């Protein structure tokens, strides 16, 4: 049996006028996931360091930041200073991945790499020894209300195999359309962290929704 999978609610659709209450409703989660979008790497614009700082001051849960931005090297240190515990960036958005990883690690934080649905796992071969986290996107980035892409399961398995061949064990995280219908399959394919958006944030009882995802994951 795998170790228990972590549940990371994505607060992109939270009501930020009552941010503290929103975060309190997620208290049974394992970490909080924030997507920072710049309107260039993806069409949408979300939020930046001021909101991240407010989140960090309103929860004791670790904060997992996903930079969906061009030139992420310009932003890594500032999001860490604002409260990020882990920072994930896109290989598709930079040529300077080594300096980004080194910068994140120099701050004592976890460094992660995100892969879009169309980006092959082979892109990670030169960086797999350096990173703590791999985020697999199960939908195309920056667009709401998309369905889970089934091929994601094959990519998770491919990543698991790549990690075993290289004798490394970064956390595997999956984000996009995650709910009780696919959570178990994701964990069986190798996922350690399930990022849950609508399935948790849209639930009447978020604690129950988190517990249901966790129970499904524990069946693996």
N, C-alpha and C. Protein backbone atom coordinates (compact mmCIF):
# COMPACT_ATOMS: atom_id res chain seq x y z
N UNK A 1 0.85 -1.20 0.00
CA UNK A 1 0.00 0.00 0.00
C UNK A 1 0.88 1.25 0.00
N UNK A 2 0.52 2.26 -0.80
CA UNK A 2 1.24 3.51 -0.81
C UNK A 2 1.03 4.26 0.50
N UNK A 3 1.93 5.17 0.80
CA UNK A 3 1.70 6.07 1.92
C UNK A 3 0.46 6.91 1.62
N UNK A 4 -0.24 7.38 2.66
CA UNK A 4 -1.43 8.19 2.43
C UNK A 4 -1.14 9.37 1.52
N UNK A 5 -2.06 9.60 0.60
CA UNK A 5 -1.91 10.69 -0.36
C UNK A 5 -2.33 12.01 0.29
N UNK A 6 -1.64 13.08 -0.06
CA UNK A 6 -1.97 14.40 0.47
C UNK A 6 -3.02 15.08 -0.40
N UNK A 7 -3.91 15.83 0.25
CA UNK A 7 -4.96 16.57 -0.45
C UNK A 7 -4.63 18.06 -0.36
N UNK A 8 -4.59 18.71 -1.53
CA UNK A 8 -4.22 20.12 -1.61
C UNK A 8 -5.32 20.90 -2.32
N UNK A 9 -6.26 21.50 -1.58
CA UNK A 9 -7.28 22.32 -2.23
C UNK A 9 -6.65 23.51 -2.95
N UNK A 10 -7.15 23.77 -4.15
CA UNK A 10 -6.73 24.94 -4.92
C UNK A 10 -7.71 26.07 -4.66
N UNK A 11 -7.22 27.21 -4.19
CA UNK A 11 -8.12 28.27 -3.74
C UNK A 11 -8.38 29.32 -4.82
N UNK A 12 -8.14 28.96 -6.07
CA UNK A 12 -8.36 29.91 -7.16
C UNK A 12 -9.79 30.44 -7.18
N UNK A 13 -10.75 29.59 -6.81
CA UNK A 13 -12.16 30.00 -6.84
C UNK A 13 -12.70 30.37 -5.47
N UNK A 14 -11.81 30.60 -4.51
CA UNK A 14 -12.25 31.00 -3.17
C UNK A 14 -12.84 32.40 -3.18
N UNK A 15 -13.63 32.71 -2.17
CA UNK A 15 -14.17 34.06 -1.98
C UNK A 15 -13.15 34.84 -1.15
N UNK A 16 -12.39 35.69 -1.81
CA UNK A 16 -11.29 36.38 -1.13
C UNK A 16 -11.76 37.52 -0.24
N UNK A 17 -13.04 37.84 -0.27
CA UNK A 17 -13.56 38.85 0.65
C UNK A 17 -13.71 38.27 2.06
N UNK A 18 -13.71 36.95 2.15
CA UNK A 18 -13.77 36.26 3.46
C UNK A 18 -12.67 35.20 3.48
N UNK A 19 -11.46 35.62 3.18
CA UNK A 19 -10.35 34.69 2.98
C UNK A 19 -10.09 33.83 4.21
N UNK A 20 -10.08 34.43 5.38
CA UNK A 20 -9.77 33.65 6.59
C UNK A 20 -10.79 32.54 6.80
N UNK A 21 -12.07 32.85 6.61
CA UNK A 21 -13.12 31.83 6.77
C UNK A 21 -12.98 30.74 5.71
N UNK A 22 -12.64 31.13 4.49
CA UNK A 22 -12.44 30.14 3.43
C UNK A 22 -11.32 29.18 3.80
N UNK A 23 -10.23 29.70 4.30
CA UNK A 23 -9.11 28.85 4.68
C UNK A 23 -9.45 27.98 5.89
N UNK A 24 -10.22 28.51 6.82
CA UNK A 24 -10.65 27.70 7.97
C UNK A 24 -11.48 26.50 7.53
N UNK A 25 -12.25 26.66 6.46
CA UNK A 25 -13.07 25.55 5.96
C UNK A 25 -12.23 24.44 5.34
N UNK A 26 -10.94 24.73 5.10
CA UNK A 26 -10.03 23.76 4.48
C UNK A 26 -9.04 23.21 5.50
N UNK A 27 -9.33 23.37 6.77
CA UNK A 27 -8.39 23.01 7.81
C UNK A 27 -8.00 21.55 7.87
N UNK A 28 -8.82 20.66 7.30
CA UNK A 28 -8.50 19.23 7.33
C UNK A 28 -7.63 18.81 6.15
N UNK A 29 -7.29 19.75 5.27
CA UNK A 29 -6.42 19.45 4.14
C UNK A 29 -4.97 19.30 4.61
N UNK A 30 -4.10 18.90 3.68
CA UNK A 30 -2.69 18.71 4.01
C UNK A 30 -1.84 19.91 3.62
N UNK A 31 -2.25 20.62 2.61
CA UNK A 31 -1.57 21.82 2.17
C UNK A 31 -2.54 22.65 1.33
N UNK A 32 -2.17 23.89 1.04
CA UNK A 32 -2.98 24.80 0.24
C UNK A 32 -2.25 25.08 -1.06
N UNK A 33 -2.96 24.97 -2.18
CA UNK A 33 -2.37 25.16 -3.50
C UNK A 33 -2.81 26.49 -4.09
N UNK A 34 -1.84 27.29 -4.54
CA UNK A 34 -2.13 28.58 -5.17
C UNK A 34 -1.56 28.62 -6.57
N UNK A 35 -2.40 28.96 -7.54
CA UNK A 35 -1.97 29.17 -8.92
C UNK A 35 -1.76 30.65 -9.16
N UNK A 36 -0.53 31.05 -9.42
CA UNK A 36 -0.23 32.44 -9.75
C UNK A 36 -0.09 32.55 -11.27
N UNK A 37 -0.98 33.31 -11.90
CA UNK A 37 -1.04 33.43 -13.36
C UNK A 37 -0.77 34.87 -13.77
N UNK A 38 0.00 35.04 -14.85
CA UNK A 38 0.43 36.39 -15.23
C UNK A 38 -0.29 36.97 -16.45
N UNK A 39 -1.20 36.18 -17.07
CA UNK A 39 -1.87 36.68 -18.26
C UNK A 39 -1.04 36.58 -19.52
N UNK A 40 0.15 36.00 -19.43
CA UNK A 40 1.03 35.84 -20.58
C UNK A 40 1.31 34.36 -20.85
N UNK A 41 1.84 33.66 -19.86
CA UNK A 41 2.05 32.22 -20.03
C UNK A 41 0.71 31.51 -20.21
N UNK A 42 -0.28 31.99 -19.47
CA UNK A 42 -1.68 31.57 -19.67
C UNK A 42 -2.50 32.84 -19.82
N UNK A 43 -3.70 32.71 -20.37
CA UNK A 43 -4.52 33.89 -20.64
C UNK A 43 -5.02 34.57 -19.37
N UNK A 44 -5.28 33.78 -18.35
CA UNK A 44 -5.88 34.32 -17.13
C UNK A 44 -4.86 35.03 -16.25
N UNK A 45 -5.38 35.94 -15.42
CA UNK A 45 -4.60 36.59 -14.37
C UNK A 45 -5.26 36.22 -13.05
N UNK A 46 -4.47 35.78 -12.08
CA UNK A 46 -5.08 35.38 -10.80
C UNK A 46 -4.70 36.37 -9.70
N UNK A 47 -3.65 36.11 -8.99
CA UNK A 47 -3.26 36.96 -7.87
C UNK A 47 -1.75 36.87 -7.70
N UNK A 48 -1.23 37.72 -6.82
CA UNK A 48 0.21 37.75 -6.63
C UNK A 48 0.60 37.69 -5.18
N UNK A 49 1.72 38.32 -4.87
CA UNK A 49 2.31 38.21 -3.55
C UNK A 49 1.43 38.77 -2.42
N UNK A 50 0.69 39.86 -2.61
CA UNK A 50 -0.15 40.34 -1.49
C UNK A 50 -1.18 39.31 -1.02
N UNK A 51 -1.85 38.64 -1.98
CA UNK A 51 -2.80 37.60 -1.60
C UNK A 51 -2.08 36.42 -0.96
N UNK A 52 -0.95 36.04 -1.53
CA UNK A 52 -0.17 34.94 -0.96
C UNK A 52 0.23 35.26 0.48
N UNK A 53 0.62 36.49 0.72
CA UNK A 53 1.00 36.90 2.07
C UNK A 53 -0.19 36.79 3.03
N UNK A 54 -1.36 37.18 2.55
CA UNK A 54 -2.57 37.08 3.38
C UNK A 54 -2.92 35.64 3.68
N UNK A 55 -2.77 34.77 2.67
CA UNK A 55 -3.02 33.34 2.89
C UNK A 55 -2.06 32.79 3.94
N UNK A 56 -0.79 33.14 3.80
CA UNK A 56 0.22 32.62 4.73
C UNK A 56 -0.05 33.05 6.17
N UNK A 57 -0.62 34.24 6.33
CA UNK A 57 -0.89 34.73 7.68
C UNK A 57 -2.20 34.19 8.25
N UNK A 58 -2.96 33.47 7.41
CA UNK A 58 -4.30 33.02 7.82
C UNK A 58 -4.41 31.51 7.95
N UNK A 59 -3.32 30.77 7.71
CA UNK A 59 -3.36 29.32 7.82
C UNK A 59 -2.03 28.80 8.34
N UNK A 60 -2.08 27.66 8.99
CA UNK A 60 -0.85 26.99 9.42
C UNK A 60 -0.44 25.89 8.45
N UNK A 61 -1.26 25.66 7.42
CA UNK A 61 -0.95 24.62 6.44
C UNK A 61 0.18 25.07 5.52
N UNK A 62 1.01 24.14 5.04
CA UNK A 62 2.03 24.50 4.06
C UNK A 62 1.39 25.06 2.80
N UNK A 63 2.08 25.98 2.15
CA UNK A 63 1.56 26.64 0.96
C UNK A 63 2.37 26.22 -0.25
N UNK A 64 1.67 25.66 -1.22
CA UNK A 64 2.23 25.10 -2.44
C UNK A 64 1.90 26.05 -3.59
N UNK A 65 2.92 26.75 -4.11
CA UNK A 65 2.70 27.76 -5.15
C UNK A 65 3.08 27.22 -6.51
N UNK A 66 2.16 27.35 -7.45
CA UNK A 66 2.37 26.96 -8.85
C UNK A 66 2.47 28.23 -9.68
N UNK A 67 3.66 28.51 -10.20
CA UNK A 67 3.88 29.70 -11.01
C UNK A 67 3.54 29.41 -12.47
N UNK A 68 2.42 29.94 -12.91
CA UNK A 68 2.01 29.81 -14.31
C UNK A 68 2.33 31.14 -14.99
N UNK A 69 3.63 31.42 -15.07
CA UNK A 69 4.11 32.73 -15.52
C UNK A 69 5.30 32.55 -16.45
N UNK A 70 5.50 33.55 -17.31
CA UNK A 70 6.71 33.61 -18.10
C UNK A 70 7.87 34.09 -17.22
N UNK A 71 9.06 33.63 -17.53
CA UNK A 71 10.26 33.99 -16.78
C UNK A 71 10.05 33.85 -15.27
N UNK A 72 9.76 32.66 -14.81
CA UNK A 72 9.51 32.45 -13.37
C UNK A 72 10.69 32.83 -12.50
N UNK A 73 11.88 32.90 -13.07
CA UNK A 73 13.05 33.27 -12.29
C UNK A 73 12.91 34.66 -11.66
N UNK A 74 12.06 35.50 -12.24
CA UNK A 74 11.87 36.85 -11.71
C UNK A 74 11.01 36.87 -10.44
N UNK A 75 10.29 35.78 -10.18
CA UNK A 75 9.28 35.81 -9.13
C UNK A 75 9.55 34.83 -7.98
N UNK A 76 10.43 33.88 -8.17
CA UNK A 76 10.58 32.80 -7.18
C UNK A 76 10.90 33.32 -5.79
N UNK A 77 11.88 34.18 -5.68
CA UNK A 77 12.29 34.63 -4.34
C UNK A 77 11.19 35.44 -3.67
N UNK A 78 10.48 36.26 -4.44
CA UNK A 78 9.44 37.10 -3.82
C UNK A 78 8.27 36.27 -3.31
N UNK A 79 7.92 35.17 -4.00
CA UNK A 79 6.82 34.36 -3.49
C UNK A 79 7.25 33.56 -2.26
N UNK A 80 8.51 33.21 -2.20
CA UNK A 80 9.02 32.56 -0.99
C UNK A 80 8.98 33.53 0.18
N UNK A 81 9.40 34.76 -0.06
CA UNK A 81 9.36 35.77 1.00
C UNK A 81 7.93 36.04 1.45
N UNK A 82 6.96 35.84 0.55
CA UNK A 82 5.55 36.06 0.87
C UNK A 82 4.92 34.88 1.60
N UNK A 83 5.62 33.73 1.64
CA UNK A 83 5.09 32.62 2.43
C UNK A 83 5.05 31.26 1.78
N UNK A 84 5.54 31.11 0.55
CA UNK A 84 5.49 29.80 -0.12
C UNK A 84 6.44 28.81 0.54
N UNK A 85 5.96 27.58 0.73
CA UNK A 85 6.80 26.49 1.23
C UNK A 85 7.39 25.66 0.11
N UNK A 86 6.70 25.63 -1.02
CA UNK A 86 7.22 24.97 -2.22
C UNK A 86 6.84 25.83 -3.42
N UNK A 87 7.72 25.85 -4.42
CA UNK A 87 7.49 26.66 -5.61
C UNK A 87 7.70 25.78 -6.83
N UNK A 88 6.67 25.72 -7.66
CA UNK A 88 6.71 24.93 -8.89
C UNK A 88 6.64 25.86 -10.09
N UNK A 89 7.51 25.64 -11.06
CA UNK A 89 7.53 26.46 -12.27
C UNK A 89 7.47 25.57 -13.50
N UNK A 90 7.22 26.17 -14.65
CA UNK A 90 7.09 25.42 -15.89
C UNK A 90 8.41 25.42 -16.67
N UNK A 91 8.86 24.25 -17.06
CA UNK A 91 10.01 24.17 -17.95
C UNK A 91 9.72 24.87 -19.27
N UNK A 92 8.45 24.88 -19.68
CA UNK A 92 8.08 25.52 -20.94
C UNK A 92 8.26 27.04 -20.90
N UNK A 93 8.43 27.60 -19.68
CA UNK A 93 8.44 29.06 -19.52
C UNK A 93 9.83 29.65 -19.31
N UNK A 94 10.87 28.82 -19.28
CA UNK A 94 12.20 29.35 -18.96
C UNK A 94 13.30 28.48 -19.54
N UNK A 95 14.47 29.09 -19.75
CA UNK A 95 15.66 28.34 -20.12
C UNK A 95 16.62 28.22 -18.93
N UNK A 96 16.23 28.80 -17.81
CA UNK A 96 17.16 28.94 -16.69
C UNK A 96 16.75 28.09 -15.50
N UNK A 97 16.36 26.85 -15.78
CA UNK A 97 15.81 26.03 -14.71
C UNK A 97 16.80 25.76 -13.60
N UNK A 98 18.07 25.59 -13.92
CA UNK A 98 19.04 25.27 -12.87
C UNK A 98 19.18 26.41 -11.87
N UNK A 99 19.25 27.64 -12.37
CA UNK A 99 19.38 28.77 -11.45
C UNK A 99 18.12 28.95 -10.62
N UNK A 100 16.95 28.63 -11.20
CA UNK A 100 15.69 28.73 -10.44
C UNK A 100 15.68 27.71 -9.31
N UNK A 101 16.02 26.48 -9.63
CA UNK A 101 16.05 25.42 -8.61
C UNK A 101 17.05 25.77 -7.51
N UNK A 102 18.23 26.23 -7.91
CA UNK A 102 19.24 26.60 -6.92
C UNK A 102 18.75 27.74 -6.03
N UNK A 103 18.06 28.70 -6.63
CA UNK A 103 17.55 29.84 -5.87
C UNK A 103 16.51 29.40 -4.85
N UNK A 104 15.60 28.52 -5.27
CA UNK A 104 14.57 28.01 -4.36
C UNK A 104 15.21 27.22 -3.22
N UNK A 105 16.14 26.35 -3.57
CA UNK A 105 16.79 25.54 -2.54
C UNK A 105 17.62 26.39 -1.58
N UNK A 106 18.20 27.48 -2.08
CA UNK A 106 19.00 28.35 -1.21
C UNK A 106 18.15 29.02 -0.14
N UNK A 107 16.84 29.09 -0.40
CA UNK A 107 15.90 29.65 0.58
C UNK A 107 15.33 28.58 1.50
N UNK A 108 15.79 27.34 1.32
CA UNK A 108 15.33 26.25 2.18
C UNK A 108 13.95 25.73 1.83
N UNK A 109 13.51 25.92 0.58
CA UNK A 109 12.17 25.51 0.16
C UNK A 109 12.26 24.41 -0.90
N UNK A 110 11.12 23.76 -1.14
CA UNK A 110 11.06 22.70 -2.14
C UNK A 110 10.89 23.29 -3.53
N UNK A 111 11.62 22.73 -4.48
CA UNK A 111 11.55 23.18 -5.87
C UNK A 111 10.84 22.14 -6.72
N UNK A 112 9.86 22.60 -7.50
CA UNK A 112 9.10 21.69 -8.34
C UNK A 112 9.04 22.15 -9.78
N UNK A 113 8.76 21.22 -10.65
CA UNK A 113 8.59 21.50 -12.08
C UNK A 113 7.22 21.02 -12.51
N UNK A 114 6.53 21.83 -13.30
CA UNK A 114 5.20 21.49 -13.81
C UNK A 114 5.28 21.14 -15.29
N UNK A 115 4.46 20.18 -15.70
CA UNK A 115 4.40 19.76 -17.09
C UNK A 115 2.98 19.94 -17.62
N UNK A 116 2.86 20.68 -18.73
CA UNK A 116 1.58 20.79 -19.42
C UNK A 116 1.20 19.43 -20.03
N UNK A 117 -0.07 19.23 -20.36
CA UNK A 117 -0.49 17.94 -20.92
C UNK A 117 0.31 17.51 -22.15
N UNK A 118 0.72 18.46 -22.98
CA UNK A 118 1.42 18.10 -24.20
C UNK A 118 2.93 18.02 -24.07
N UNK A 119 3.46 18.29 -22.89
CA UNK A 119 4.91 18.26 -22.69
C UNK A 119 5.36 16.86 -22.32
N UNK A 120 6.33 16.30 -23.06
CA UNK A 120 6.74 14.91 -22.79
C UNK A 120 7.55 14.78 -21.51
N UNK A 121 7.46 13.63 -20.90
CA UNK A 121 8.21 13.33 -19.68
C UNK A 121 9.71 13.42 -19.93
N UNK A 122 10.15 13.16 -21.14
CA UNK A 122 11.58 13.19 -21.47
C UNK A 122 12.23 14.54 -21.17
N UNK A 123 11.44 15.60 -21.13
CA UNK A 123 11.98 16.91 -20.80
C UNK A 123 12.59 16.94 -19.40
N UNK A 124 12.21 16.02 -18.55
CA UNK A 124 12.67 16.02 -17.17
C UNK A 124 13.97 15.26 -16.95
N UNK A 125 14.46 14.59 -17.97
CA UNK A 125 15.60 13.71 -17.77
C UNK A 125 16.84 14.44 -17.26
N UNK A 126 17.02 15.71 -17.67
CA UNK A 126 18.20 16.46 -17.24
C UNK A 126 18.03 17.15 -15.90
N UNK A 127 16.82 17.13 -15.36
CA UNK A 127 16.54 17.86 -14.12
C UNK A 127 16.02 16.96 -13.00
N UNK A 128 15.74 15.71 -13.30
CA UNK A 128 15.06 14.82 -12.37
C UNK A 128 15.84 14.65 -11.05
N UNK A 129 17.16 14.75 -11.12
CA UNK A 129 17.98 14.58 -9.91
C UNK A 129 17.96 15.80 -9.00
N UNK A 130 17.45 16.92 -9.51
CA UNK A 130 17.56 18.19 -8.80
C UNK A 130 16.29 18.63 -8.08
N UNK A 131 15.16 18.02 -8.40
CA UNK A 131 13.88 18.59 -7.96
C UNK A 131 13.21 17.74 -6.88
N UNK A 132 12.32 18.40 -6.14
CA UNK A 132 11.62 17.77 -5.03
C UNK A 132 10.19 17.39 -5.38
N UNK A 133 9.69 17.93 -6.47
CA UNK A 133 8.26 17.83 -6.78
C UNK A 133 8.06 17.92 -8.29
N UNK A 134 7.14 17.10 -8.80
CA UNK A 134 6.73 17.18 -10.21
C UNK A 134 5.22 17.33 -10.24
N UNK A 135 4.76 18.40 -10.86
CA UNK A 135 3.33 18.66 -10.98
C UNK A 135 2.87 18.32 -12.40
N UNK A 136 1.96 17.37 -12.50
CA UNK A 136 1.42 16.95 -13.79
C UNK A 136 0.05 17.60 -13.97
N UNK A 137 -0.09 18.39 -15.01
CA UNK A 137 -1.37 19.02 -15.28
C UNK A 137 -2.26 18.07 -16.06
N UNK A 138 -3.44 17.84 -15.52
CA UNK A 138 -4.41 16.93 -16.14
C UNK A 138 -5.43 17.66 -16.99
N UNK A 139 -5.24 18.98 -17.13
CA UNK A 139 -6.05 19.82 -18.02
C UNK A 139 -5.11 20.84 -18.64
N UNK A 140 -5.56 21.52 -19.68
CA UNK A 140 -4.76 22.59 -20.26
C UNK A 140 -4.77 23.78 -19.31
N UNK A 141 -3.62 24.39 -19.08
CA UNK A 141 -3.51 25.40 -18.01
C UNK A 141 -4.27 26.68 -18.31
N UNK A 142 -4.82 27.26 -17.23
CA UNK A 142 -5.41 28.58 -17.30
C UNK A 142 -6.85 28.65 -17.75
N UNK A 143 -7.49 27.51 -17.99
CA UNK A 143 -8.88 27.51 -18.44
C UNK A 143 -9.73 26.74 -17.44
N UNK A 144 -10.83 27.33 -16.97
CA UNK A 144 -11.63 26.69 -15.92
C UNK A 144 -12.54 25.58 -16.44
N UNK A 145 -13.00 24.75 -15.51
CA UNK A 145 -14.06 23.77 -15.75
C UNK A 145 -13.76 22.80 -16.90
N UNK A 146 -12.54 22.28 -16.92
CA UNK A 146 -12.17 21.30 -17.93
C UNK A 146 -12.25 19.89 -17.36
N UNK A 147 -12.41 18.93 -18.27
CA UNK A 147 -12.43 17.53 -17.87
C UNK A 147 -11.02 16.98 -17.73
N UNK A 148 -10.87 16.06 -16.82
CA UNK A 148 -9.62 15.34 -16.60
C UNK A 148 -9.21 14.63 -17.88
N UNK A 149 -7.96 14.80 -18.30
CA UNK A 149 -7.44 14.14 -19.50
C UNK A 149 -6.95 12.74 -19.11
N UNK A 150 -7.58 11.68 -19.62
CA UNK A 150 -7.22 10.32 -19.19
C UNK A 150 -5.76 9.95 -19.40
N UNK A 151 -5.12 10.53 -20.44
CA UNK A 151 -3.72 10.21 -20.71
C UNK A 151 -2.81 10.59 -19.54
N UNK A 152 -3.32 11.45 -18.66
CA UNK A 152 -2.55 11.85 -17.47
C UNK A 152 -2.08 10.63 -16.67
N UNK A 153 -2.90 9.60 -16.62
CA UNK A 153 -2.55 8.40 -15.85
C UNK A 153 -1.31 7.72 -16.42
N UNK A 154 -1.20 7.70 -17.75
CA UNK A 154 -0.02 7.11 -18.38
C UNK A 154 1.22 7.97 -18.09
N UNK A 155 1.02 9.28 -18.08
CA UNK A 155 2.15 10.17 -17.79
C UNK A 155 2.63 10.00 -16.35
N UNK A 156 1.71 9.86 -15.42
CA UNK A 156 2.10 9.61 -14.03
C UNK A 156 2.89 8.31 -13.90
N UNK A 157 2.44 7.27 -14.58
CA UNK A 157 3.15 6.00 -14.53
C UNK A 157 4.53 6.13 -15.18
N UNK A 158 4.60 6.87 -16.28
CA UNK A 158 5.88 7.09 -16.95
C UNK A 158 6.85 7.84 -16.04
N UNK A 159 6.33 8.82 -15.33
CA UNK A 159 7.16 9.57 -14.38
C UNK A 159 7.63 8.68 -13.23
N UNK A 160 6.74 7.84 -12.73
CA UNK A 160 7.12 6.91 -11.67
C UNK A 160 8.26 6.01 -12.13
N UNK A 161 8.16 5.53 -13.35
CA UNK A 161 9.20 4.66 -13.90
C UNK A 161 10.52 5.43 -14.06
N UNK A 162 10.44 6.69 -14.54
CA UNK A 162 11.64 7.51 -14.70
C UNK A 162 12.32 7.74 -13.36
N UNK A 163 11.54 8.00 -12.34
CA UNK A 163 12.11 8.21 -11.00
C UNK A 163 12.80 6.96 -10.48
N UNK A 164 12.17 5.81 -10.69
CA UNK A 164 12.78 4.55 -10.24
C UNK A 164 14.09 4.29 -10.97
N UNK A 165 14.13 4.55 -12.27
CA UNK A 165 15.36 4.32 -13.04
C UNK A 165 16.49 5.21 -12.55
N UNK A 166 16.14 6.39 -12.07
CA UNK A 166 17.15 7.35 -11.62
C UNK A 166 17.36 7.31 -10.11
N UNK A 167 16.66 6.39 -9.44
CA UNK A 167 16.79 6.21 -7.99
C UNK A 167 16.53 7.51 -7.24
N UNK A 168 15.48 8.21 -7.63
CA UNK A 168 15.06 9.44 -6.95
C UNK A 168 13.58 9.31 -6.59
N UNK A 169 13.14 10.15 -5.68
CA UNK A 169 11.75 10.03 -5.23
C UNK A 169 11.10 11.40 -5.01
N UNK A 170 11.05 12.24 -6.04
CA UNK A 170 10.30 13.49 -5.88
C UNK A 170 8.82 13.19 -5.70
N UNK A 171 8.12 14.08 -5.03
CA UNK A 171 6.68 13.94 -4.91
C UNK A 171 6.03 14.16 -6.27
N UNK A 172 5.04 13.33 -6.58
CA UNK A 172 4.29 13.48 -7.82
C UNK A 172 2.93 14.07 -7.48
N UNK A 173 2.63 15.20 -8.08
CA UNK A 173 1.41 15.95 -7.81
C UNK A 173 0.60 16.03 -9.10
N UNK A 174 -0.71 15.94 -9.00
CA UNK A 174 -1.57 16.01 -10.18
C UNK A 174 -2.66 17.03 -9.94
N UNK A 175 -2.95 17.83 -10.97
CA UNK A 175 -3.88 18.95 -10.83
C UNK A 175 -4.73 19.07 -12.09
N UNK A 176 -6.05 19.14 -11.88
CA UNK A 176 -6.96 19.38 -13.00
C UNK A 176 -8.07 18.35 -13.08
N UNK A 177 -9.28 18.76 -12.72
CA UNK A 177 -10.41 17.85 -12.81
C UNK A 177 -10.37 16.70 -11.84
N UNK A 178 -9.66 16.86 -10.72
CA UNK A 178 -9.53 15.77 -9.75
C UNK A 178 -10.78 15.68 -8.88
N UNK A 179 -11.35 14.47 -8.81
CA UNK A 179 -12.50 14.22 -7.94
C UNK A 179 -12.50 12.74 -7.56
N UNK A 180 -13.57 12.29 -6.92
CA UNK A 180 -13.60 10.91 -6.45
C UNK A 180 -13.67 9.89 -7.58
N UNK A 181 -13.98 10.33 -8.79
CA UNK A 181 -14.06 9.39 -9.92
C UNK A 181 -12.69 9.02 -10.47
N UNK A 182 -11.67 9.84 -10.22
CA UNK A 182 -10.35 9.56 -10.78
C UNK A 182 -9.22 9.60 -9.75
N UNK A 183 -9.53 9.97 -8.51
CA UNK A 183 -8.49 10.10 -7.49
C UNK A 183 -7.75 8.78 -7.26
N UNK A 184 -8.50 7.70 -7.16
CA UNK A 184 -7.87 6.40 -6.90
C UNK A 184 -6.94 6.01 -8.04
N UNK A 185 -7.37 6.21 -9.27
CA UNK A 185 -6.53 5.85 -10.42
C UNK A 185 -5.26 6.69 -10.44
N UNK A 186 -5.35 7.96 -10.05
CA UNK A 186 -4.17 8.81 -10.01
C UNK A 186 -3.16 8.31 -8.98
N UNK A 187 -3.66 7.93 -7.81
CA UNK A 187 -2.76 7.43 -6.76
C UNK A 187 -2.15 6.10 -7.19
N UNK A 188 -2.94 5.24 -7.79
CA UNK A 188 -2.41 3.95 -8.27
C UNK A 188 -1.34 4.15 -9.33
N UNK A 189 -1.45 5.25 -10.11
CA UNK A 189 -0.46 5.54 -11.15
C UNK A 189 0.78 6.21 -10.59
N UNK A 190 0.74 6.61 -9.32
CA UNK A 190 1.94 7.16 -8.70
C UNK A 190 1.79 8.49 -8.00
N UNK A 191 0.61 9.12 -8.05
CA UNK A 191 0.45 10.45 -7.45
C UNK A 191 0.57 10.41 -5.93
N UNK A 192 1.29 11.39 -5.40
CA UNK A 192 1.43 11.57 -3.95
C UNK A 192 0.55 12.70 -3.44
N UNK A 193 0.24 13.66 -4.31
CA UNK A 193 -0.55 14.83 -3.93
C UNK A 193 -1.65 15.04 -4.96
N UNK A 194 -2.88 15.17 -4.48
CA UNK A 194 -4.02 15.47 -5.34
C UNK A 194 -4.43 16.91 -5.13
N UNK A 195 -4.32 17.72 -6.17
CA UNK A 195 -4.80 19.10 -6.11
C UNK A 195 -6.27 19.10 -6.50
N UNK A 196 -7.10 19.58 -5.60
CA UNK A 196 -8.55 19.52 -5.80
C UNK A 196 -9.11 20.94 -5.87
N UNK A 197 -9.72 21.26 -6.99
CA UNK A 197 -10.34 22.56 -7.16
C UNK A 197 -11.82 22.51 -6.90
N UNK A 198 -12.59 22.38 -7.96
CA UNK A 198 -14.04 22.43 -7.86
C UNK A 198 -14.61 21.35 -6.95
N UNK A 199 -13.99 20.15 -6.93
CA UNK A 199 -14.55 19.05 -6.14
C UNK A 199 -14.54 19.35 -4.65
N UNK A 200 -13.65 20.23 -4.22
CA UNK A 200 -13.62 20.65 -2.81
C UNK A 200 -14.23 22.04 -2.64
N UNK A 201 -13.75 22.99 -3.43
CA UNK A 201 -14.20 24.38 -3.25
C UNK A 201 -15.67 24.56 -3.59
N UNK A 202 -16.22 23.70 -4.44
CA UNK A 202 -17.63 23.79 -4.80
C UNK A 202 -18.54 22.96 -3.93
N UNK A 203 -17.98 22.27 -2.95
CA UNK A 203 -18.78 21.39 -2.09
C UNK A 203 -19.48 22.18 -0.99
N UNK A 204 -20.66 21.71 -0.60
CA UNK A 204 -21.37 22.34 0.52
C UNK A 204 -20.60 22.16 1.82
N UNK A 205 -19.99 21.00 1.97
CA UNK A 205 -19.18 20.73 3.16
C UNK A 205 -17.78 20.35 2.70
N UNK A 206 -16.86 21.27 2.79
CA UNK A 206 -15.52 21.05 2.25
C UNK A 206 -14.74 20.02 3.05
N UNK A 207 -14.96 19.97 4.35
CA UNK A 207 -14.28 18.96 5.16
C UNK A 207 -14.69 17.56 4.72
N UNK A 208 -15.97 17.38 4.44
CA UNK A 208 -16.45 16.08 3.96
C UNK A 208 -15.85 15.76 2.60
N UNK A 209 -15.78 16.76 1.72
CA UNK A 209 -15.23 16.54 0.38
C UNK A 209 -13.76 16.13 0.45
N UNK A 210 -13.00 16.78 1.33
CA UNK A 210 -11.60 16.42 1.52
C UNK A 210 -11.49 15.00 2.06
N UNK A 211 -12.33 14.67 3.02
CA UNK A 211 -12.30 13.33 3.61
C UNK A 211 -12.66 12.26 2.59
N UNK A 212 -13.62 12.55 1.71
CA UNK A 212 -14.00 11.58 0.69
C UNK A 212 -12.85 11.31 -0.27
N UNK A 213 -12.16 12.37 -0.69
CA UNK A 213 -10.99 12.18 -1.56
C UNK A 213 -9.92 11.36 -0.86
N UNK A 214 -9.70 11.67 0.40
CA UNK A 214 -8.67 10.95 1.15
C UNK A 214 -9.04 9.47 1.32
N UNK A 215 -10.29 9.18 1.57
CA UNK A 215 -10.72 7.80 1.73
C UNK A 215 -10.57 7.02 0.43
N UNK A 216 -10.87 7.66 -0.70
CA UNK A 216 -10.68 7.01 -2.00
C UNK A 216 -9.20 6.70 -2.19
N UNK A 217 -8.33 7.66 -1.87
CA UNK A 217 -6.90 7.44 -2.03
C UNK A 217 -6.40 6.32 -1.14
N UNK A 218 -6.96 6.19 0.06
CA UNK A 218 -6.51 5.15 1.00
C UNK A 218 -6.88 3.75 0.55
N UNK A 219 -7.78 3.64 -0.43
CA UNK A 219 -8.16 2.32 -0.94
C UNK A 219 -7.06 1.70 -1.78
N UNK A 220 -6.08 2.50 -2.18
CA UNK A 220 -5.05 1.99 -3.08
C UNK A 220 -4.03 1.14 -2.33
